[in-house]
Amino acid sequence: MASIANETEGVTAWPGGIMQVKIPLPFSLKWVNSYLVPDEGGYTLIDPGLRTEESEAAWARTMEAIGIRFADIRQIVLTHQHPDHYGLAGWFQQRTGAPVRMSRQSHAYARRLWGDDRAFNGELIGLFARHGMPEPLREAVASHLESFAERVSPQPEVTYLEAGARLRMGGAEWVAIDAPGHARGQLCLYAEEAGWMICGDQVLPDITPNISVVPGEDADPLARFLDSLAELGAYEVKLAFPGHRDPFADFGGRIQAIAAHHERRLVRIEELAASGTQTGYAICEALFGPRIAGNAHNLRFAMAETLAHLVYLERSGRLVAAESAGGLRYLPV
């Protein structure tokens, strides 16, 4: 279905002239997908990646190899505000003069993370403390979070794109779809006639999107995510363009597999709570084990995802929460 446009630079050409560009990440995910979609007289750039020296160099090589200039980029569209998607938006805007479009909710979250007051960092660390994470680990997470500020700078000037809006790209009309859970305000883009879905991190092949409790955002992100999956499953999708890994065809089947994964995890957490592993941090350790040892990045995501499942179980009446000196504990009903 696909043909390699430039294998050396990690560019793959897909139907509609859509180019998948693999931008390197300094994490276990290895790369994030950016997409260049033909536009009138140029291109729309979707999710340009995290700002690092390596990613800037990758873009320079890629643009030279495929013959695209900064002036050819007419607009920059962000599916959501996570730094691996958002980080280079301002850098590209400075060089192209193109508008950066994302949802109002996504932009508000980005300002909380990397605005002048940086209040979010303390809120997240306070949440982790309440759920039993030891102080040295909290300090490592806080330091890691702060390190992202330079990787998302400069901040872009944003034009809001909201669910229901329509835009023309790649010879097709696309509609923006609200897709919460992984990130509040995340948008998927759907071209009905072609059956294409640009799905950000909402539906990924091979791996499951991170679902995190985030202070000040959705109170029950896992419930919102599962509801969103059910809604997305109603769309007829022939080809899905994800934020990570490669485009894939079985969109509906992947949605079912991701939902089943979360139900298995919920059951496992119930078992851990019943066995005496009761604080959020203790359950996180039991679930993720060596994968989070000595890695503040992985620990932050694992802890926040564990809490998302615990919140879901508590709100659905499958566990109860009780205050204790060592942190909030979750107990069988």
Protein backbone atom coordinates (compact mmCIF):
# COMPACT_ATOMS: atom_id res chain seq x y z
CA MET A 1 0.00 0.00 0.00
CA ALA A 2 2.87 2.35 0.78
CA SER A 3 6.00 3.20 -1.14
CA ILE A 4 9.24 4.45 0.38
CA ALA A 5 9.87 8.03 -0.73
CA ASN A 6 13.26 8.28 0.99
CA GLU A 7 14.23 5.35 3.15
CA THR A 8 17.38 7.00 4.44
CA GLU A 9 15.46 9.92 5.89
CA GLY A 10 12.61 7.81 7.27
CA VAL A 11 9.97 9.22 4.92
CA THR A 12 7.15 7.03 3.62
CA ALA A 13 4.62 8.08 0.97
CA TRP A 14 1.00 7.03 1.51
CA PRO A 15 -2.22 7.49 -0.49
CA GLY A 16 -3.26 11.09 -1.07
CA GLY A 17 0.37 12.15 -1.21
CA ILE A 18 0.56 12.03 2.60
CA MET A 19 4.16 11.73 3.76
CA GLN A 20 4.94 10.06 7.08
CA VAL A 21 8.12 11.53 8.57
CA LYS A 22 9.72 9.71 11.52
CA ILE A 23 11.17 12.31 13.88
CA PRO A 24 13.57 10.87 16.50
CA LEU A 25 12.76 10.89 20.22
CA PRO A 26 15.17 10.37 23.14
CA PHE A 27 12.76 7.86 24.72
CA SER A 28 11.87 4.20 24.33
CA LEU A 29 9.27 5.10 21.66
CA LYS A 30 12.23 6.02 19.38
CA TRP A 31 10.24 8.29 17.05
CA VAL A 32 7.05 10.28 16.63
CA ASN A 33 5.18 10.45 13.34
CA SER A 34 4.89 13.81 11.69
CA TYR A 35 2.80 14.05 8.54
CA LEU A 36 3.14 16.34 5.55
CA VAL A 37 -0.17 16.56 3.72
CA PRO A 38 -0.38 18.30 0.32
CA ASP A 39 -2.26 21.57 0.49
CA GLU A 40 -3.07 24.23 -2.07
CA GLY A 41 0.32 25.55 -3.10
CA GLY A 42 2.12 23.77 -0.27
CA TYR A 43 1.73 21.44 2.69
CA THR A 44 0.04 21.08 6.05
CA LEU A 45 2.48 19.87 8.71
CA ILE A 46 0.91 17.72 11.43
CA ASP A 47 2.67 17.17 14.79
CA PRO A 48 6.25 18.30 14.02
CA GLY A 49 7.88 16.54 17.00
CA LEU A 50 9.94 17.30 20.11
CA ARG A 51 12.56 20.04 19.83
CA THR A 52 16.05 18.58 20.13
CA GLU A 53 19.24 19.06 18.13
CA GLU A 54 18.67 15.61 16.63
CA SER A 55 15.10 16.39 15.55
CA GLU A 56 16.08 19.76 14.03
CA ALA A 57 18.83 18.03 12.06
CA ALA A 58 16.42 15.28 10.98
CA TRP A 59 13.99 17.88 9.62
CA ALA A 60 16.81 19.69 7.77
CA ARG A 61 17.89 16.45 6.07
CA THR A 62 14.32 15.40 5.31
CA MET A 63 13.24 18.70 3.78
CA GLU A 64 16.33 18.83 1.61
CA ALA A 65 15.86 15.23 0.50
CA ILE A 66 12.22 15.67 -0.56
CA GLY A 67 12.58 19.20 -1.87
CA ILE A 68 10.35 21.09 0.56
CA ARG A 69 11.19 24.60 1.77
CA PHE A 70 9.95 26.24 4.95
CA ALA A 71 7.92 28.59 2.73
CA ASP A 72 6.00 25.56 1.39
CA ILE A 73 4.43 24.83 4.79
CA ARG A 74 1.10 26.65 4.84
CA GLN A 75 -0.22 25.58 8.25
CA ILE A 76 0.83 23.51 11.27
CA VAL A 77 -1.84 21.34 12.90
CA LEU A 78 -1.35 19.72 16.32
CA THR A 79 -3.43 16.73 17.33
CA HIS A 80 -2.59 17.44 20.97
CA GLN A 81 -0.26 19.23 23.37
CA HIS A 82 2.17 16.51 24.50
CA PRO A 83 5.75 17.68 23.94
CA ASP A 84 6.69 14.96 21.45
CA HIS A 85 3.97 16.35 19.15
CA TYR A 86 3.96 20.05 20.12
CA GLY A 87 7.62 20.81 20.82
CA LEU A 88 8.76 22.06 17.40
CA ALA A 89 5.58 24.00 16.60
CA GLY A 90 6.98 27.39 17.59
CA TRP A 91 10.33 26.63 15.94
CA PHE A 92 8.55 25.86 12.65
CA GLN A 93 6.26 28.87 13.02
CA GLN A 94 9.26 31.18 13.30
CA ARG A 95 10.69 29.80 10.05
CA THR A 96 7.48 29.48 8.03
CA GLY A 97 5.16 32.20 9.34
CA ALA A 98 2.43 29.54 9.21
CA PRO A 99 -0.46 29.48 11.68
CA VAL A 100 -0.35 26.81 14.38
CA ARG A 101 -3.76 25.24 14.91
CA MET A 102 -4.81 23.16 17.94
CA SER A 103 -7.80 22.93 20.26
CA ARG A 104 -8.40 25.51 22.97
CA GLN A 105 -8.27 22.81 25.68
CA SER A 106 -4.93 21.49 24.41
CA HIS A 107 -3.46 24.99 24.33
CA ALA A 108 -4.68 25.74 27.87
CA TYR A 109 -2.91 22.61 29.13
CA ALA A 110 0.29 23.56 27.29
CA ARG A 111 0.25 26.96 29.01
CA ARG A 112 -0.15 25.27 32.42
CA LEU A 113 2.84 23.05 31.70
CA TRP A 114 5.23 25.58 30.19
CA GLY A 115 3.80 28.99 31.05
CA ASP A 116 5.48 31.50 33.30
CA ASP A 117 4.31 30.14 36.67
CA ARG A 118 4.96 26.39 36.05
CA ALA A 119 2.37 25.53 38.74
CA PHE A 120 1.58 22.20 37.12
CA ASN A 121 4.84 20.57 38.19
CA GLY A 122 4.13 21.08 41.90
CA GLU A 123 0.52 19.92 41.49
CA LEU A 124 1.60 16.64 39.89
CA ILE A 125 4.29 15.96 42.49
CA GLY A 126 1.76 16.66 45.25
CA LEU A 127 -0.61 14.14 43.67
CA PHE A 128 2.12 11.51 43.53
CA ALA A 129 3.02 12.17 47.18
CA ARG A 130 -0.59 11.63 48.24
CA HIS A 131 -0.48 8.22 46.58
CA GLY A 132 2.69 7.04 48.33
CA MET A 133 5.55 7.81 45.95
CA PRO A 134 8.80 8.25 47.95
CA GLU A 135 10.31 11.74 48.02
CA PRO A 136 13.57 10.96 46.11
CA LEU A 137 11.54 9.60 43.22
CA ARG A 138 9.23 12.60 43.27
CA GLU A 139 12.25 14.90 43.05
CA ALA A 140 13.56 12.98 40.03
CA VAL A 141 10.17 13.27 38.30
CA ALA A 142 10.00 17.02 39.01
CA SER A 143 13.48 17.58 37.57
CA HIS A 144 12.63 15.54 34.49
CA LEU A 145 9.43 17.49 33.91
CA GLU A 146 11.26 20.80 34.09
CA SER A 147 13.74 19.61 31.46
CA PHE A 148 11.01 19.71 28.82
CA ALA A 149 10.70 23.51 28.87
CA GLU A 150 13.53 24.02 26.39
CA ARG A 151 12.21 21.18 24.23
CA VAL A 152 8.96 23.03 23.55
CA SER A 153 10.44 26.51 23.08
CA PRO A 154 9.70 28.92 21.58
CA GLN A 155 5.99 28.71 22.31
CA PRO A 156 3.81 29.15 19.21
CA GLU A 157 1.08 31.69 18.62
CA VAL A 158 -2.02 29.52 18.34
CA THR A 159 -5.18 29.68 16.23
CA TYR A 160 -7.88 27.46 17.67
CA LEU A 161 -9.20 24.44 15.80
CA GLU A 162 -12.17 22.81 17.51
CA ALA A 163 -14.09 19.56 17.10
CA GLY A 164 -16.49 19.77 14.17
CA ALA A 165 -14.28 22.13 12.16
CA ARG A 166 -13.52 21.15 8.58
CA LEU A 167 -10.30 21.61 6.64
CA ARG A 168 -9.11 20.70 3.17
CA MET A 169 -5.90 18.67 2.82
CA GLY A 170 -4.57 16.07 0.41
CA GLY A 171 -7.46 16.48 -1.99
CA ALA A 172 -9.94 15.52 0.75
CA GLU A 173 -12.17 17.24 3.27
CA TRP A 174 -11.31 16.39 6.87
CA VAL A 175 -13.39 16.90 10.01
CA ALA A 176 -11.87 17.36 13.47
CA ILE A 177 -13.14 14.89 16.09
CA ASP A 178 -12.86 15.35 19.87
CA ALA A 179 -10.77 12.44 21.22
CA PRO A 180 -10.18 12.82 24.98
CA GLY A 181 -8.61 10.41 27.45
CA HIS A 182 -4.99 10.28 26.34
CA ALA A 183 -4.97 14.08 26.25
CA ARG A 184 -7.78 16.48 27.01
CA GLY A 185 -8.58 18.43 23.86
CA GLN A 186 -6.90 15.94 21.52
CA LEU A 187 -8.29 15.97 17.98
CA CYS A 188 -8.46 13.20 15.42
CA LEU A 189 -8.91 14.20 11.77
CA TYR A 190 -11.20 12.11 9.56
CA ALA A 191 -11.59 12.15 5.77
CA GLU A 192 -14.88 10.33 5.27
CA GLU A 193 -14.78 9.93 1.48
CA ALA A 194 -11.30 8.42 1.53
CA GLY A 195 -11.72 6.55 4.83
CA TRP A 196 -8.57 8.07 6.35
CA MET A 197 -8.13 8.85 10.06
CA ILE A 198 -5.23 10.86 11.50
CA CYS A 199 -5.60 9.63 15.06
CA GLY A 200 -2.80 11.23 17.10
CA ASP A 201 -2.12 8.98 20.07
CA GLN A 202 -5.71 7.87 20.59
CA VAL A 203 -5.43 4.58 18.67
CA LEU A 204 -1.96 3.10 18.19
CA PRO A 205 -0.88 -0.19 16.61
CA ASP A 206 1.11 -2.67 18.72
CA ILE A 207 1.23 -0.44 21.82
CA THR A 208 -1.43 1.14 24.02
CA PRO A 209 -1.73 4.91 24.49
CA ASN A 210 -0.86 6.22 27.94
CA ILE A 211 -3.94 7.23 29.96
CA SER A 212 -2.94 9.48 32.86
CA VAL A 213 -4.55 11.25 35.77
CA VAL A 214 -3.47 14.88 35.33
CA PRO A 215 -4.22 17.52 37.98
CA GLY A 216 -6.76 20.04 36.74
CA GLU A 217 -7.73 17.99 33.66
CA ASP A 218 -10.30 15.19 33.21
CA ALA A 219 -11.41 13.74 36.56
CA ASP A 220 -11.81 10.22 35.09
CA PRO A 221 -9.59 10.05 31.98
CA LEU A 222 -9.94 6.31 31.48
CA ALA A 223 -13.73 6.56 31.31
CA ARG A 224 -13.41 9.40 28.82
CA PHE A 225 -10.91 7.38 26.79
CA LEU A 226 -13.08 4.26 26.65
CA ASP A 227 -16.12 6.35 25.65
CA SER A 228 -14.03 7.97 22.91
CA LEU A 229 -12.89 4.58 21.62
CA ALA A 230 -16.53 3.49 21.37
CA GLU A 231 -17.35 6.64 19.38
CA LEU A 232 -14.35 6.26 17.06
CA GLY A 233 -15.28 2.63 16.43
CA ALA A 234 -18.37 3.81 14.55
CA TYR A 235 -16.26 5.46 11.82
CA GLU A 236 -15.43 3.55 8.66
CA VAL A 237 -11.65 3.72 8.47
CA LYS A 238 -9.62 2.19 5.67
CA LEU A 239 -6.28 3.60 6.76
CA ALA A 240 -5.29 5.10 10.13
CA PHE A 241 -2.31 7.44 10.58
CA PRO A 242 -1.12 7.17 14.22
CA GLY A 243 1.29 9.32 16.21
CA HIS A 244 3.61 6.35 16.82
CA ARG A 245 4.44 3.20 14.84
CA ASP A 246 3.26 2.83 11.26
CA PRO A 247 -0.11 3.53 9.59
CA PHE A 248 -2.47 0.55 9.73
CA ALA A 249 -5.75 -0.71 8.32
CA ASP A 250 -7.59 -2.58 11.11
CA PHE A 251 -8.76 0.48 13.03
CA GLY A 252 -11.85 -1.19 14.52
CA GLY A 253 -9.96 -4.29 15.57
CA ARG A 254 -7.27 -2.23 17.24
CA ILE A 255 -9.90 -0.27 19.19
CA GLN A 256 -11.35 -3.53 20.52
CA ALA A 257 -7.90 -4.80 21.50
CA ILE A 258 -7.04 -1.60 23.39
CA ALA A 259 -10.34 -1.64 25.30
CA ALA A 260 -9.75 -5.31 26.22
CA HIS A 261 -6.23 -4.46 27.45
CA HIS A 262 -7.62 -1.89 29.87
CA GLU A 263 -10.22 -4.26 31.25
CA ARG A 264 -7.47 -6.84 31.93
CA ARG A 265 -5.45 -4.17 33.71
CA LEU A 266 -8.45 -3.13 35.82
CA VAL A 267 -8.95 -6.74 36.91
CA ARG A 268 -5.25 -7.08 37.75
CA ILE A 269 -5.36 -3.94 39.90
CA GLU A 270 -8.39 -5.29 41.75
CA GLU A 271 -6.38 -8.44 42.47
CA LEU A 272 -3.42 -6.41 43.74
CA ALA A 273 -5.64 -4.34 46.01
CA ALA A 274 -7.18 -7.52 47.43
CA SER A 275 -3.72 -9.01 48.06
CA GLY A 276 -2.62 -6.07 50.24
CA THR A 277 -0.78 -4.00 47.62
CA GLN A 278 -2.82 -0.90 48.26
CA THR A 279 -1.21 2.52 47.64
CA GLY A 280 -1.07 3.85 44.12
CA TYR A 281 2.72 3.73 44.14
CA ALA A 282 2.86 0.14 45.43
CA ILE A 283 0.39 -0.95 42.76
CA CYS A 284 2.40 0.90 40.12
CA GLU A 285 5.56 -0.93 41.17
CA ALA A 286 3.76 -4.27 41.04
CA LEU A 287 2.34 -3.55 37.58
CA PHE A 288 5.39 -2.13 35.84
CA GLY A 289 8.33 -3.54 37.80
CA PRO A 290 11.79 -3.15 36.20
CA ARG A 291 10.46 -0.93 33.39
CA ILE A 292 10.30 2.06 35.74
CA ALA A 293 13.48 1.46 37.78
CA GLY A 294 15.81 4.45 37.56
CA ASN A 295 13.83 6.08 34.73
CA ALA A 296 11.91 9.20 35.78
CA HIS A 297 10.21 9.47 32.38
CA ASN A 298 8.78 5.96 32.50
CA LEU A 299 7.94 6.29 36.20
CA ARG A 300 5.87 9.44 35.64
CA PHE A 301 3.77 7.82 32.93
CA ALA A 302 3.42 4.52 34.79
CA MET A 303 2.33 6.24 38.01
CA ALA A 304 -0.17 8.53 36.30
CA GLU A 305 -1.62 5.61 34.32
CA THR A 306 -1.95 3.49 37.46
CA LEU A 307 -3.86 6.32 39.12
CA ALA A 308 -6.16 6.62 36.09
CA HIS A 309 -7.17 2.99 36.54
CA LEU A 310 -7.59 3.39 40.29
CA VAL A 311 -9.83 6.43 39.82
CA TYR A 312 -11.93 4.50 37.31
CA LEU A 313 -12.29 1.56 39.71
CA GLU A 314 -13.24 3.83 42.61
CA ARG A 315 -15.77 5.84 40.61
CA SER A 316 -17.37 2.67 39.24
CA GLY A 317 -17.67 1.18 42.73
CA ARG A 318 -15.14 -1.62 42.26
CA LEU A 319 -12.65 -0.28 44.86
CA VAL A 320 -12.85 2.16 47.77
CA ALA A 321 -10.19 4.70 48.78
CA ALA A 322 -9.11 5.26 52.38
CA GLU A 323 -6.72 7.82 53.84
CA SER A 324 -3.67 6.50 55.71
CA ALA A 325 -0.34 7.82 56.97
CA GLY A 326 1.53 6.16 54.09
CA GLY A 327 -0.73 7.55 51.39
CA LEU A 328 -4.18 6.96 49.99
CA ARG A 329 -4.97 3.23 49.96
CA TYR A 330 -7.36 1.35 47.68
CA LEU A 331 -9.33 -1.52 49.15
CA PRO A 332 -11.79 -4.10 47.82
CA VAL A 333 -15.45 -3.23 48.21
